[in-house]
Amino acid sequence: MKSEKINLSAHAKRVIFERNIKHKWIEDTINNPDKREPDSTDTSIEHRLKIIEEYGSRVLRVICKKNIEPTLVITTFFDRREKGKLK
């Protein structure tokens, strides 16, 4: 599988720093998500989710602009609602 190039919005850069989210986790989630979801209001946006084993098996949600190069990460956070739902 080809790795997608990633661009971070100013907001994403800030929350990654504030939430101590590793860039590797974002790359893994973008390139090999456990789940993909369409955005409920914008068809150009996709939510990609991945279990991060090394962070207590919490689920990282990366919200990105799809179908552009490089992929634009809009925001990211650990989604408490998804914990235990993904396998």
N, C-alpha and C. Protein backbone atom coordinates (compact mmCIF):
# COMPACT_ATOMS: atom_id res chain seq x y z
N MET A 1 0.84 -1.18 0.00
CA MET A 1 0.00 0.00 0.00
C MET A 1 0.88 1.25 0.00
N LYS A 2 0.54 2.19 -0.82
CA LYS A 2 1.27 3.44 -0.92
C LYS A 2 0.96 4.33 0.27
N SER A 3 1.99 4.91 0.87
CA SER A 3 1.79 5.84 1.97
C SER A 3 1.36 7.19 1.43
N GLU A 4 0.34 7.74 2.04
CA GLU A 4 -0.13 9.07 1.64
C GLU A 4 0.76 10.12 2.28
N LYS A 5 1.05 11.16 1.52
CA LYS A 5 1.75 12.31 2.08
C LYS A 5 0.72 13.08 2.91
N ILE A 6 1.21 13.70 3.99
CA ILE A 6 0.31 14.35 4.94
C ILE A 6 0.70 15.81 5.13
N ASN A 7 -0.31 16.66 5.15
CA ASN A 7 -0.17 18.08 5.47
C ASN A 7 -1.04 18.33 6.69
N LEU A 8 -0.57 19.15 7.63
CA LEU A 8 -1.33 19.44 8.84
C LEU A 8 -1.86 20.86 8.82
N SER A 9 -3.13 21.02 9.16
CA SER A 9 -3.68 22.38 9.31
C SER A 9 -3.06 23.00 10.56
N ALA A 10 -3.17 24.31 10.69
CA ALA A 10 -2.66 25.00 11.88
C ALA A 10 -3.34 24.45 13.13
N HIS A 11 -4.64 24.20 13.04
CA HIS A 11 -5.37 23.63 14.18
C HIS A 11 -4.82 22.25 14.54
N ALA A 12 -4.61 21.41 13.54
CA ALA A 12 -4.09 20.06 13.79
C ALA A 12 -2.72 20.13 14.47
N LYS A 13 -1.85 21.01 14.00
CA LYS A 13 -0.52 21.16 14.62
C LYS A 13 -0.65 21.51 16.09
N ARG A 14 -1.57 22.41 16.40
CA ARG A 14 -1.75 22.84 17.79
C ARG A 14 -2.26 21.70 18.67
N VAL A 15 -3.31 20.99 18.20
CA VAL A 15 -3.88 19.93 19.05
C VAL A 15 -2.95 18.73 19.18
N ILE A 16 -2.16 18.46 18.16
CA ILE A 16 -1.18 17.37 18.24
C ILE A 16 -0.19 17.67 19.35
N PHE A 17 0.26 18.91 19.42
CA PHE A 17 1.19 19.33 20.46
C PHE A 17 0.50 19.28 21.83
N GLU A 18 -0.68 19.86 21.95
CA GLU A 18 -1.40 19.93 23.23
C GLU A 18 -1.77 18.55 23.76
N ARG A 19 -2.09 17.63 22.87
CA ARG A 19 -2.58 16.30 23.28
C ARG A 19 -1.49 15.23 23.24
N ASN A 20 -0.27 15.64 22.94
CA ASN A 20 0.87 14.71 22.88
C ASN A 20 0.60 13.53 21.95
N ILE A 21 0.06 13.82 20.78
CA ILE A 21 -0.22 12.78 19.79
C ILE A 21 1.00 12.65 18.89
N LYS A 22 1.50 11.44 18.76
CA LYS A 22 2.70 11.20 17.95
C LYS A 22 2.36 11.25 16.45
N HIS A 23 3.27 11.85 15.69
CA HIS A 23 3.07 11.95 14.24
C HIS A 23 2.96 10.56 13.62
N LYS A 24 3.70 9.60 14.15
CA LYS A 24 3.65 8.22 13.64
C LYS A 24 2.23 7.65 13.76
N TRP A 25 1.55 7.96 14.86
CA TRP A 25 0.18 7.47 15.04
C TRP A 25 -0.75 8.05 13.98
N ILE A 26 -0.55 9.32 13.66
CA ILE A 26 -1.37 9.96 12.62
C ILE A 26 -1.10 9.31 11.27
N GLU A 27 0.18 9.11 10.96
CA GLU A 27 0.54 8.46 9.69
C GLU A 27 -0.07 7.07 9.60
N ASP A 28 0.04 6.29 10.69
CA ASP A 28 -0.53 4.93 10.69
C ASP A 28 -2.05 4.97 10.50
N THR A 29 -2.70 5.93 11.13
CA THR A 29 -4.16 6.04 11.02
C THR A 29 -4.58 6.46 9.62
N ILE A 30 -3.85 7.38 9.02
CA ILE A 30 -4.15 7.82 7.65
C ILE A 30 -3.93 6.67 6.66
N ASN A 31 -2.80 5.98 6.79
CA ASN A 31 -2.42 4.98 5.80
C ASN A 31 -2.99 3.59 6.03
N ASN A 32 -3.37 3.27 7.25
CA ASN A 32 -3.88 1.93 7.55
C ASN A 32 -4.96 2.00 8.63
N PRO A 33 -6.06 2.69 8.37
CA PRO A 33 -7.11 2.85 9.39
C PRO A 33 -7.83 1.53 9.67
N ASP A 34 -8.30 1.39 10.90
CA ASP A 34 -9.15 0.25 11.25
C ASP A 34 -10.57 0.48 10.74
N LYS A 35 -10.92 1.76 10.57
CA LYS A 35 -12.28 2.11 10.13
C LYS A 35 -12.23 3.46 9.43
N ARG A 36 -13.08 3.61 8.42
CA ARG A 36 -13.26 4.90 7.73
C ARG A 36 -14.74 5.26 7.83
N GLU A 37 -14.98 6.55 8.07
CA GLU A 37 -16.36 7.04 8.14
C GLU A 37 -16.48 8.31 7.32
N PRO A 38 -17.56 8.47 6.58
CA PRO A 38 -17.77 9.75 5.89
C PRO A 38 -18.18 10.80 6.92
N ASP A 39 -17.88 12.04 6.63
CA ASP A 39 -18.31 13.14 7.49
C ASP A 39 -19.82 13.32 7.30
N SER A 40 -20.50 13.70 8.35
CA SER A 40 -21.97 13.82 8.28
C SER A 40 -22.44 15.06 7.52
N THR A 41 -21.55 16.04 7.31
CA THR A 41 -22.00 17.27 6.65
C THR A 41 -21.20 17.64 5.40
N ASP A 42 -19.99 17.10 5.25
CA ASP A 42 -19.12 17.50 4.14
C ASP A 42 -18.56 16.25 3.45
N THR A 43 -18.97 16.02 2.22
CA THR A 43 -18.55 14.80 1.51
C THR A 43 -17.07 14.79 1.15
N SER A 44 -16.39 15.92 1.27
CA SER A 44 -14.95 15.95 0.96
C SER A 44 -14.09 15.59 2.17
N ILE A 45 -14.75 15.34 3.31
CA ILE A 45 -14.04 15.05 4.55
C ILE A 45 -14.30 13.60 4.96
N GLU A 46 -13.25 12.97 5.48
CA GLU A 46 -13.35 11.58 5.94
C GLU A 46 -12.76 11.47 7.34
N HIS A 47 -13.36 10.59 8.15
CA HIS A 47 -12.85 10.30 9.49
C HIS A 47 -12.16 8.94 9.40
N ARG A 48 -10.92 8.87 9.86
CA ARG A 48 -10.19 7.60 9.88
C ARG A 48 -9.85 7.29 11.33
N LEU A 49 -10.13 6.05 11.71
CA LEU A 49 -9.95 5.65 13.10
C LEU A 49 -9.00 4.47 13.20
N LYS A 50 -8.22 4.46 14.27
CA LYS A 50 -7.27 3.37 14.48
C LYS A 50 -7.05 3.19 15.98
N ILE A 51 -6.99 1.92 16.39
CA ILE A 51 -6.64 1.60 17.77
C ILE A 51 -5.13 1.81 17.93
N ILE A 52 -4.75 2.57 18.95
CA ILE A 52 -3.34 2.81 19.24
C ILE A 52 -2.98 1.96 20.47
N GLU A 53 -2.43 0.78 20.21
CA GLU A 53 -2.12 -0.18 21.27
C GLU A 53 -1.20 0.42 22.33
N GLU A 54 -0.18 1.16 21.88
CA GLU A 54 0.81 1.69 22.82
C GLU A 54 0.28 2.86 23.65
N TYR A 55 -0.96 3.24 23.44
CA TYR A 55 -1.58 4.31 24.22
C TYR A 55 -2.86 3.78 24.88
N GLY A 56 -2.73 2.60 25.48
CA GLY A 56 -3.85 2.01 26.22
C GLY A 56 -4.99 1.54 25.35
N SER A 57 -4.69 1.20 24.09
CA SER A 57 -5.70 0.74 23.13
C SER A 57 -6.81 1.77 22.90
N ARG A 58 -6.46 3.03 23.05
CA ARG A 58 -7.43 4.10 22.77
C ARG A 58 -7.55 4.28 21.26
N VAL A 59 -8.68 4.82 20.83
CA VAL A 59 -8.96 4.99 19.40
C VAL A 59 -8.64 6.42 18.99
N LEU A 60 -7.72 6.54 18.02
CA LEU A 60 -7.37 7.84 17.47
C LEU A 60 -8.27 8.12 16.28
N ARG A 61 -8.90 9.28 16.29
CA ARG A 61 -9.73 9.72 15.16
C ARG A 61 -8.98 10.84 14.46
N VAL A 62 -8.73 10.66 13.17
CA VAL A 62 -8.08 11.68 12.35
C VAL A 62 -9.10 12.13 11.31
N ILE A 63 -9.41 13.40 11.33
CA ILE A 63 -10.37 13.97 10.38
C ILE A 63 -9.57 14.67 9.30
N CYS A 64 -9.79 14.22 8.06
CA CYS A 64 -8.95 14.72 6.97
C CYS A 64 -9.77 15.04 5.72
N LYS A 65 -9.19 15.88 4.91
CA LYS A 65 -9.74 16.22 3.60
C LYS A 65 -9.28 15.11 2.67
N LYS A 66 -10.21 14.41 2.04
CA LYS A 66 -9.83 13.28 1.19
C LYS A 66 -9.69 13.71 -0.26
N ASN A 67 -9.09 12.85 -1.03
CA ASN A 67 -8.92 13.03 -2.47
C ASN A 67 -8.12 14.27 -2.86
N ILE A 68 -7.19 14.68 -2.00
CA ILE A 68 -6.24 15.73 -2.36
C ILE A 68 -4.85 15.25 -1.99
N GLU A 69 -3.86 15.76 -2.67
CA GLU A 69 -2.46 15.42 -2.39
C GLU A 69 -1.74 16.68 -1.99
N PRO A 70 -1.07 16.71 -0.88
CA PRO A 70 -1.08 15.70 0.17
C PRO A 70 -2.39 15.74 0.98
N THR A 71 -2.66 14.65 1.68
CA THR A 71 -3.85 14.58 2.53
C THR A 71 -3.76 15.66 3.60
N LEU A 72 -4.83 16.42 3.76
CA LEU A 72 -4.85 17.49 4.76
C LEU A 72 -5.54 17.00 6.02
N VAL A 73 -4.78 16.96 7.13
CA VAL A 73 -5.34 16.62 8.43
C VAL A 73 -5.94 17.89 9.02
N ILE A 74 -7.23 17.84 9.29
CA ILE A 74 -7.94 18.99 9.84
C ILE A 74 -7.82 19.02 11.35
N THR A 75 -8.06 17.86 11.98
CA THR A 75 -7.92 17.74 13.43
C THR A 75 -7.76 16.27 13.78
N THR A 76 -7.39 16.00 15.02
CA THR A 76 -7.24 14.64 15.50
C THR A 76 -7.45 14.62 17.01
N PHE A 77 -7.99 13.51 17.49
CA PHE A 77 -8.20 13.37 18.94
C PHE A 77 -8.46 11.91 19.26
N PHE A 78 -8.29 11.57 20.55
CA PHE A 78 -8.64 10.23 21.00
C PHE A 78 -10.13 10.24 21.31
N ASP A 79 -10.85 9.35 20.63
CA ASP A 79 -12.31 9.32 20.67
C ASP A 79 -12.78 8.32 21.72
N ARG A 80 -13.18 8.82 22.87
CA ARG A 80 -13.64 7.96 23.97
C ARG A 80 -14.88 7.15 23.58
N ARG A 81 -15.70 7.70 22.70
CA ARG A 81 -16.94 7.01 22.30
C ARG A 81 -16.65 5.71 21.55
N GLU A 82 -15.48 5.61 20.93
CA GLU A 82 -15.16 4.45 20.10
C GLU A 82 -14.40 3.35 20.84
N LYS A 83 -13.90 3.65 22.05
CA LYS A 83 -13.11 2.65 22.78
C LYS A 83 -13.93 1.38 22.99
N GLY A 84 -13.34 0.26 22.62
CA GLY A 84 -14.00 -1.02 22.76
C GLY A 84 -14.90 -1.40 21.60
N LYS A 85 -15.17 -0.47 20.69
CA LYS A 85 -16.04 -0.76 19.55
C LYS A 85 -15.27 -1.32 18.36
N LEU A 86 -14.01 -0.91 18.22
CA LEU A 86 -13.20 -1.39 17.09
C LEU A 86 -12.45 -2.64 17.50
N LYS A 87 -12.25 -3.51 16.56
CA LYS A 87 -11.48 -4.74 16.82
C LYS A 87 -10.31 -4.79 15.88
